């Protein structure tokens, strides 16, 4: 199976989008994350939903999860305030990782290997040279796993 068969339309955002709007797009469409594009709609990054959580969850709770059990509901209800006034660019990891982009002819195993290496639940599919080609769509982790699992395992 090739990327062109697995690719589907996928929502994109720009780096100057509001972080709250991006979080709402992730939750509203039940997505694993978003593809970030430049002004020409070329993918520049993948924003995993887990990266949004990194901004929302205070570092001291990420470092010691037992503290999560002692905070009250009022604290939890204000955690998303950390997104206010922030942009998608603020949510992107500071350390640059390789942009998970594939061409339409790459195989499902090549896609899976890239997802695993880059810890990305989404891969952008572009037509044309490198990451500067036209965005065709995206492939998600569930689509890749579904294509890799033997038929007898996926059917109940």
Protein backbone atom coordinates (compact mmCIF):
# COMPACT_ATOMS: atom_id res chain seq x y z
CA UNK A 1 0.00 0.00 0.00
CA UNK A 2 1.30 3.47 -0.87
CA UNK A 3 0.92 6.92 0.65
CA UNK A 4 -1.50 8.09 -2.03
CA UNK A 5 -3.92 5.33 -0.98
CA UNK A 6 -3.71 6.20 2.72
CA UNK A 7 -3.71 10.00 2.45
CA UNK A 8 -6.84 11.86 3.47
CA UNK A 9 -7.74 15.56 3.66
CA UNK A 10 -6.51 16.99 6.93
CA UNK A 11 -6.88 20.33 8.71
CA UNK A 12 -3.92 22.69 8.58
CA UNK A 13 -2.96 25.75 10.60
CA UNK A 14 -0.39 28.50 10.22
CA UNK A 15 2.16 29.43 12.85
CA UNK A 16 0.39 32.72 13.60
CA UNK A 17 -2.90 30.99 14.46
CA UNK A 18 -4.05 31.25 18.05
CA UNK A 19 -3.13 28.32 20.28
CA UNK A 20 -6.70 28.14 21.62
CA UNK A 21 -8.08 27.88 18.07
CA UNK A 22 -5.61 25.11 17.26
CA UNK A 23 -6.54 23.21 20.42
CA UNK A 24 -10.23 23.54 19.55
CA UNK A 25 -9.57 22.23 16.04
CA UNK A 26 -7.77 19.20 17.50
CA UNK A 27 -10.59 18.42 19.93
CA UNK A 28 -13.48 19.41 17.66
CA UNK A 29 -12.40 17.04 14.94
CA UNK A 30 -10.93 14.43 17.30
CA UNK A 31 -7.49 14.72 15.70
CA UNK A 32 -4.10 13.50 16.92
CA UNK A 33 -2.57 16.83 15.99
CA UNK A 34 -2.34 19.29 13.12
CA UNK A 35 -0.18 20.03 10.11
CA UNK A 36 1.39 23.49 10.22
CA UNK A 37 1.83 25.15 6.82
CA UNK A 38 3.51 28.30 5.52
CA UNK A 39 1.91 31.02 3.39
CA UNK A 40 2.12 28.78 0.29
CA UNK A 41 0.46 25.83 2.04
CA UNK A 42 3.71 23.89 2.23
CA UNK A 43 4.01 21.84 5.42
CA UNK A 44 6.60 23.18 7.86
CA UNK A 45 5.80 21.16 11.00
CA UNK A 46 3.49 18.69 12.64
CA UNK A 47 1.93 19.82 15.90
CA UNK A 48 1.04 16.71 17.90
CA UNK A 49 -1.77 17.11 20.43
CA UNK A 50 0.68 15.98 23.10
CA UNK A 51 2.69 19.15 22.47
CA UNK A 52 -0.40 21.23 23.25
CA UNK A 53 -0.69 19.33 26.54
CA UNK A 54 2.94 20.18 27.35
CA UNK A 55 2.00 23.86 27.41
CA UNK A 56 -1.18 23.32 29.41
CA UNK A 57 0.20 20.98 32.08
CA UNK A 58 2.61 22.79 34.43
CA UNK A 59 6.15 21.43 34.40
CA UNK A 60 6.10 20.50 38.07
CA UNK A 61 3.10 18.22 37.44
CA UNK A 62 4.74 16.70 34.35
CA UNK A 63 7.83 16.04 36.49
CA UNK A 64 5.89 14.55 39.43
CA UNK A 65 2.55 13.13 38.33
CA UNK A 66 1.54 12.39 41.92
CA UNK A 67 0.88 16.13 42.27
CA UNK A 68 -1.92 15.79 39.71
CA UNK A 69 -3.90 13.87 42.31
CA UNK A 70 -3.87 16.68 44.86
CA UNK A 71 -4.93 19.71 42.80
CA UNK A 72 -8.55 20.78 42.92
CA UNK A 73 -11.06 21.18 40.09
CA UNK A 74 -10.70 24.97 40.15
CA UNK A 75 -7.01 24.60 39.30
CA UNK A 76 -7.76 22.14 36.50
CA UNK A 77 -10.40 24.46 35.03
CA UNK A 78 -7.83 27.26 34.68
CA UNK A 79 -4.97 25.26 33.17
CA UNK A 80 -5.99 26.03 29.59
CA UNK A 81 -5.54 29.72 30.37
CA UNK A 82 -1.89 29.01 29.50
CA UNK A 83 -2.98 28.93 25.83
CA UNK A 84 -4.46 32.44 25.90
CA UNK A 85 -2.44 34.93 23.86
CA UNK A 86 -0.19 32.16 22.50
CA UNK A 87 0.23 31.09 18.89
CA UNK A 88 0.83 27.79 17.16
CA UNK A 89 4.49 28.83 16.86
CA UNK A 90 4.65 28.93 20.68
CA UNK A 91 3.37 25.36 20.82
CA UNK A 92 5.93 23.87 18.44
CA UNK A 93 8.83 22.01 20.03
CA UNK A 94 11.92 24.19 20.46
CA UNK A 95 14.21 21.42 19.27
CA UNK A 96 13.87 20.95 15.53
CA UNK A 97 12.89 17.47 14.43
CA UNK A 98 12.72 16.26 10.89
CA UNK A 99 9.46 17.23 9.24
CA UNK A 100 7.49 14.01 8.74
CA UNK A 101 6.74 14.33 5.02
CA UNK A 102 6.43 11.58 2.43
CA UNK A 103 5.82 11.46 -1.28
CA UNK A 104 2.76 9.73 -2.72
CA UNK A 105 4.75 6.64 -3.81
CA UNK A 106 6.23 5.76 -0.42
CA UNK A 107 5.11 2.47 1.07
CA UNK A 108 3.23 1.93 4.31
CA UNK A 109 6.38 0.49 5.90
CA UNK A 110 8.40 3.57 4.93
CA UNK A 111 5.66 5.75 6.44
CA UNK A 112 5.56 3.66 9.62
CA UNK A 113 9.33 3.87 9.98
CA UNK A 114 9.24 7.67 9.66
CA UNK A 115 6.42 7.96 12.22
CA UNK A 116 8.34 5.77 14.66
CA UNK A 117 11.64 7.61 14.16
CA UNK A 118 10.07 11.06 14.53
CA UNK A 119 7.52 10.15 17.24
CA UNK A 120 4.83 11.68 15.06
CA UNK A 121 1.23 10.45 14.85
CA UNK A 122 0.77 12.30 11.55
CA UNK A 123 2.71 12.38 8.29
CA UNK A 124 2.10 14.98 5.59
CA UNK A 125 1.89 13.73 2.00
CA UNK A 126 3.23 16.12 -0.62
CA UNK A 127 3.38 15.96 -4.40
CA UNK A 128 6.62 17.43 -5.68
CA UNK A 129 10.19 17.87 -4.47
CA UNK A 130 10.82 17.48 -0.75
CA UNK A 131 8.67 19.24 1.81
CA UNK A 132 8.07 22.15 -0.58
CA UNK A 133 5.66 20.21 -2.76
CA UNK A 134 1.91 20.68 -2.79
CA UNK A 135 0.15 19.21 0.25
CA UNK A 136 -1.98 16.25 -0.84
CA UNK A 137 -3.23 15.24 2.59
CA UNK A 138 -2.09 13.42 5.68
CA UNK A 139 -1.71 9.92 7.00
CA UNK A 140 -2.46 9.19 10.63
CA UNK A 141 -1.14 6.54 12.96
CA UNK A 142 -4.44 4.61 13.03
CA UNK A 143 -4.43 4.40 9.21
CA UNK A 144 -0.86 3.06 9.20
CA UNK A 145 -1.54 0.53 11.95
CA UNK A 146 -4.70 -0.57 10.17
CA UNK A 147 -2.76 -1.13 6.95
CA UNK A 148 0.00 -3.06 8.74
CA UNK A 149 -2.14 -5.33 10.89
CA UNK A 150 -3.03 -8.65 9.31
CA UNK A 151 -6.70 -8.81 8.26
CA UNK A 152 -7.57 -11.52 10.79
CA UNK A 153 -6.44 -9.24 13.65
CA UNK A 154 -8.43 -6.19 12.54
CA UNK A 155 -11.70 -8.06 11.96
CA UNK A 156 -13.60 -8.99 15.16
